[in-house]
Amino acid sequence: MTRSSIELGDVTPHNIKQLKKLNTVVFPVSYNDKFYVDVLEAGELAKLAYYNDIVVGAVCCRIDTTENQRRLYIMTLGCLSPYRRLGIGTVMFEHIMNFAEKDGNFDSIFLHVQINNNGAIEFYKKFGFEIVDTKEQYYKRIEPADAHVLQKALRRTAPNSNSSANSTAANSNSRSKARQFTFV
């Protein structure tokens, strides 16, 4: 029996090219330089996924404060095709959920998915996401151009005057540590 290790690591200026290459292989969308500059500033909201020390996936999020709500937007969450169905996407998603729960001030988590990406739609539905809207002509230069908006509502926790300071300290302490999961 072999043991497989899944780890999440920080996105840094030293490995940002790996993220760029991964995104060009996994997603039909091209991301501009500003996307990658923002990812370098995202801290815990951007992680590379390693499978037995090989970069095979990544998750990149941002905080969205539109429509009078504070929401977590998943910009990208993807894994190389040969490494799907090994729990890597789940590890990345659970990292984001843990971040949102520790923060306690998000109304929801949402993302856009191309309407024909049934695998991604089913992946998110198993975590309680629902299709809440469909945006026509959302994507440029890819077909189909329409995207579903998937969303998962979250419960905000009671405000705590110390939670922001504690959250900031916890985030800075955990930034340098990679999270490791081992499956047999």
Protein backbone atom coordinates (compact mmCIF):
# COMPACT_ATOMS: atom_id res chain seq x y z
CA MET A 1 0.00 0.00 0.00
CA THR A 2 1.36 3.43 -0.90
CA ARG A 3 0.93 6.61 1.07
CA SER A 4 0.05 9.80 -0.76
CA SER A 5 0.58 13.23 0.71
CA ILE A 6 -1.44 16.35 -0.14
CA GLU A 7 -0.03 19.66 1.10
CA LEU A 8 -1.04 23.26 0.61
CA GLY A 9 1.69 25.85 0.27
CA ASP A 10 1.90 29.60 -0.11
CA VAL A 11 2.03 31.32 -3.48
CA THR A 12 5.24 33.36 -3.58
CA PRO A 13 7.21 35.34 -6.19
CA HIS A 14 9.42 32.23 -6.48
CA ASN A 15 6.58 29.90 -7.52
CA ILE A 16 4.10 32.25 -9.20
CA LYS A 17 5.19 30.94 -12.62
CA GLN A 18 4.06 27.46 -11.56
CA LEU A 19 0.62 28.91 -10.77
CA LYS A 20 0.51 30.65 -14.17
CA LYS A 21 1.42 27.44 -16.00
CA LEU A 22 -1.09 25.41 -13.98
CA ASN A 23 -3.88 27.90 -14.75
CA THR A 24 -3.16 27.80 -18.49
CA VAL A 25 -3.49 24.00 -18.44
CA VAL A 26 -6.51 23.70 -16.13
CA PHE A 27 -8.72 26.64 -17.16
CA PRO A 28 -9.94 27.81 -20.58
CA VAL A 29 -9.65 31.43 -19.38
CA SER A 30 -6.46 33.52 -19.55
CA TYR A 31 -5.68 35.51 -16.42
CA ASN A 32 -3.95 38.89 -16.70
CA ASP A 33 -0.90 40.14 -14.80
CA LYS A 34 -3.08 42.01 -12.26
CA PHE A 35 -4.68 38.70 -11.26
CA TYR A 36 -1.24 37.32 -10.33
CA VAL A 37 -0.18 40.52 -8.53
CA ASP A 38 -3.38 40.31 -6.44
CA VAL A 39 -2.79 36.60 -5.76
CA LEU A 40 0.64 37.37 -4.30
CA GLU A 41 -1.09 39.68 -1.79
CA ALA A 42 -3.89 37.21 -0.95
CA GLY A 43 -2.10 35.33 1.85
CA GLU A 44 -4.21 32.39 3.05
CA LEU A 45 -6.67 32.96 0.20
CA ALA A 46 -4.21 31.67 -2.41
CA LYS A 47 -2.59 28.25 -2.10
CA LEU A 48 -0.79 25.80 -4.32
CA ALA A 49 -1.72 22.14 -3.87
CA TYR A 50 1.10 19.60 -3.84
CA TYR A 51 0.60 15.88 -4.35
CA ASN A 52 3.71 13.99 -3.27
CA ASP A 53 5.68 17.26 -3.61
CA ILE A 54 4.43 17.98 -7.17
CA VAL A 55 2.31 21.09 -7.84
CA VAL A 56 -0.97 19.72 -9.19
CA GLY A 57 -3.58 22.31 -8.21
CA ALA A 58 -4.31 25.73 -6.81
CA VAL A 59 -7.02 27.81 -5.22
CA CYS A 60 -7.20 31.61 -5.44
CA CYS A 61 -9.88 33.70 -3.73
CA ARG A 62 -10.64 37.31 -2.89
CA ILE A 63 -12.96 39.15 -0.56
CA ASP A 64 -15.91 40.76 -2.34
CA THR A 65 -17.89 43.52 -0.64
CA THR A 66 -20.58 44.29 -3.21
CA GLU A 67 -24.35 44.25 -2.84
CA ASN A 68 -24.09 45.26 0.83
CA GLN A 69 -22.57 41.88 1.68
CA ARG A 70 -19.14 40.54 2.57
CA ARG A 71 -18.60 37.46 0.45
CA LEU A 72 -15.69 35.18 -0.37
CA TYR A 73 -15.22 34.82 -4.13
CA ILE A 74 -13.45 31.73 -5.46
CA MET A 75 -11.62 33.06 -8.52
CA THR A 76 -10.01 29.70 -9.33
CA LEU A 77 -9.98 26.25 -7.78
CA GLY A 78 -8.58 23.59 -10.04
CA CYS A 79 -6.45 20.50 -10.32
CA LEU A 80 -4.59 18.83 -13.16
CA SER A 81 -6.77 16.19 -14.82
CA PRO A 82 -4.72 13.08 -13.84
CA TYR A 83 -4.90 14.12 -10.16
CA ARG A 84 -8.66 14.65 -9.93
CA ARG A 85 -10.76 12.47 -7.64
CA LEU A 86 -7.87 12.05 -5.19
CA GLY A 87 -9.21 14.51 -2.61
CA ILE A 88 -7.04 17.45 -3.67
CA GLY A 89 -9.97 19.72 -4.57
CA THR A 90 -11.63 18.83 -1.27
CA VAL A 91 -8.48 19.77 0.67
CA MET A 92 -8.32 23.13 -1.12
CA PHE A 93 -12.03 23.78 -0.58
CA GLU A 94 -11.84 22.82 3.12
CA HIS A 95 -8.93 25.26 3.55
CA ILE A 96 -11.12 28.07 2.18
CA MET A 97 -14.10 26.99 4.32
CA ASN A 98 -11.89 26.95 7.43
CA PHE A 99 -10.67 30.46 6.59
CA ALA A 100 -14.26 31.69 6.20
CA GLU A 101 -15.39 30.02 9.44
CA LYS A 102 -12.46 31.42 11.44
CA ASP A 103 -13.15 34.89 10.06
CA GLY A 104 -16.86 34.54 10.88
CA ASN A 105 -17.95 37.61 8.91
CA PHE A 106 -18.81 36.26 5.47
CA ASP A 107 -22.39 36.12 4.23
CA SER A 108 -21.58 33.58 1.54
CA ILE A 109 -19.01 31.99 -0.73
CA PHE A 110 -19.60 32.23 -4.48
CA LEU A 111 -18.01 31.56 -7.85
CA HIS A 112 -18.66 31.38 -11.58
CA VAL A 113 -18.64 28.06 -13.46
CA GLN A 114 -18.96 27.58 -17.20
CA ILE A 115 -22.44 26.15 -17.79
CA ASN A 116 -21.14 22.95 -19.40
CA ASN A 117 -18.64 22.14 -16.62
CA ASN A 118 -20.75 19.45 -14.98
CA GLY A 119 -17.85 18.05 -12.96
CA ALA A 120 -17.25 21.39 -11.24
CA ILE A 121 -20.97 21.99 -10.71
CA GLU A 122 -21.36 18.58 -9.03
CA PHE A 123 -18.21 19.15 -6.95
CA TYR A 124 -19.60 22.38 -5.50
CA LYS A 125 -23.12 21.01 -5.04
CA LYS A 126 -21.75 18.26 -2.79
CA PHE A 127 -20.53 21.06 -0.49
CA GLY A 128 -23.94 22.74 -0.38
CA PHE A 129 -23.61 25.26 -3.22
CA GLU A 130 -26.64 26.13 -5.31
CA ILE A 131 -26.96 27.72 -8.74
CA VAL A 132 -28.38 31.16 -7.96
CA ASP A 133 -27.99 32.88 -11.36
CA THR A 134 -26.77 32.40 -14.91
CA LYS A 135 -24.74 35.16 -16.56
CA GLU A 136 -25.03 35.22 -20.33
CA GLN A 137 -21.85 36.04 -22.27
CA TYR A 138 -19.81 36.04 -19.04
CA TYR A 139 -16.69 34.63 -20.72
CA LYS A 140 -14.86 36.17 -23.65
CA ARG A 141 -13.32 34.02 -26.39
CA ILE A 142 -14.57 30.66 -25.06
CA GLU A 143 -17.68 28.63 -25.80
CA PRO A 144 -20.11 28.32 -24.22
CA ALA A 145 -19.73 31.89 -22.98
CA ASP A 146 -22.40 31.61 -20.26
CA ALA A 147 -21.61 30.95 -16.60
CA HIS A 148 -23.62 29.77 -13.64
CA VAL A 149 -23.19 31.62 -10.37
CA LEU A 150 -22.91 29.09 -7.56
CA GLN A 151 -23.28 30.21 -3.98
CA LYS A 152 -23.18 28.76 -0.50
CA ALA A 153 -24.77 30.83 2.26
CA LEU A 154 -22.83 31.13 5.52
CA ARG A 155 -23.92 32.14 9.00
CA ARG A 156 -22.10 35.09 10.44
CA THR A 157 -20.87 34.66 14.00
CA ALA A 158 -21.59 37.19 16.72
CA PRO A 159 -19.24 40.17 16.49
CA ASN A 160 -16.31 40.02 18.89
CA SER A 161 -14.07 43.01 19.45
CA ASN A 162 -11.01 40.76 19.71
CA SER A 163 -11.80 38.47 16.76
CA SER A 164 -10.16 40.74 14.18
CA ALA A 165 -6.89 41.00 16.09
CA ASN A 166 -6.89 37.27 16.88
CA SER A 167 -7.68 36.43 13.27
CA THR A 168 -4.84 38.60 11.99
CA ALA A 169 -2.35 37.06 14.41
CA ALA A 170 -3.49 33.54 13.58
CA ASN A 171 -3.24 34.21 9.85
CA SER A 172 0.28 35.58 10.06
CA ASN A 173 1.38 32.63 12.19
CA SER A 174 -0.07 30.08 9.79
CA ARG A 175 1.13 31.72 6.56
CA SER A 176 4.53 30.12 6.70
CA LYS A 177 3.22 26.65 7.49
CA ALA A 178 1.98 24.28 4.82
CA ARG A 179 -1.07 22.24 5.77
CA GLN A 180 -0.51 18.52 5.29
CA PHE A 181 -2.98 15.70 4.83
CA THR A 182 -1.95 12.09 4.44
CA PHE A 183 -4.15 9.45 2.84
CA VAL A 184 -3.49 5.74 2.77
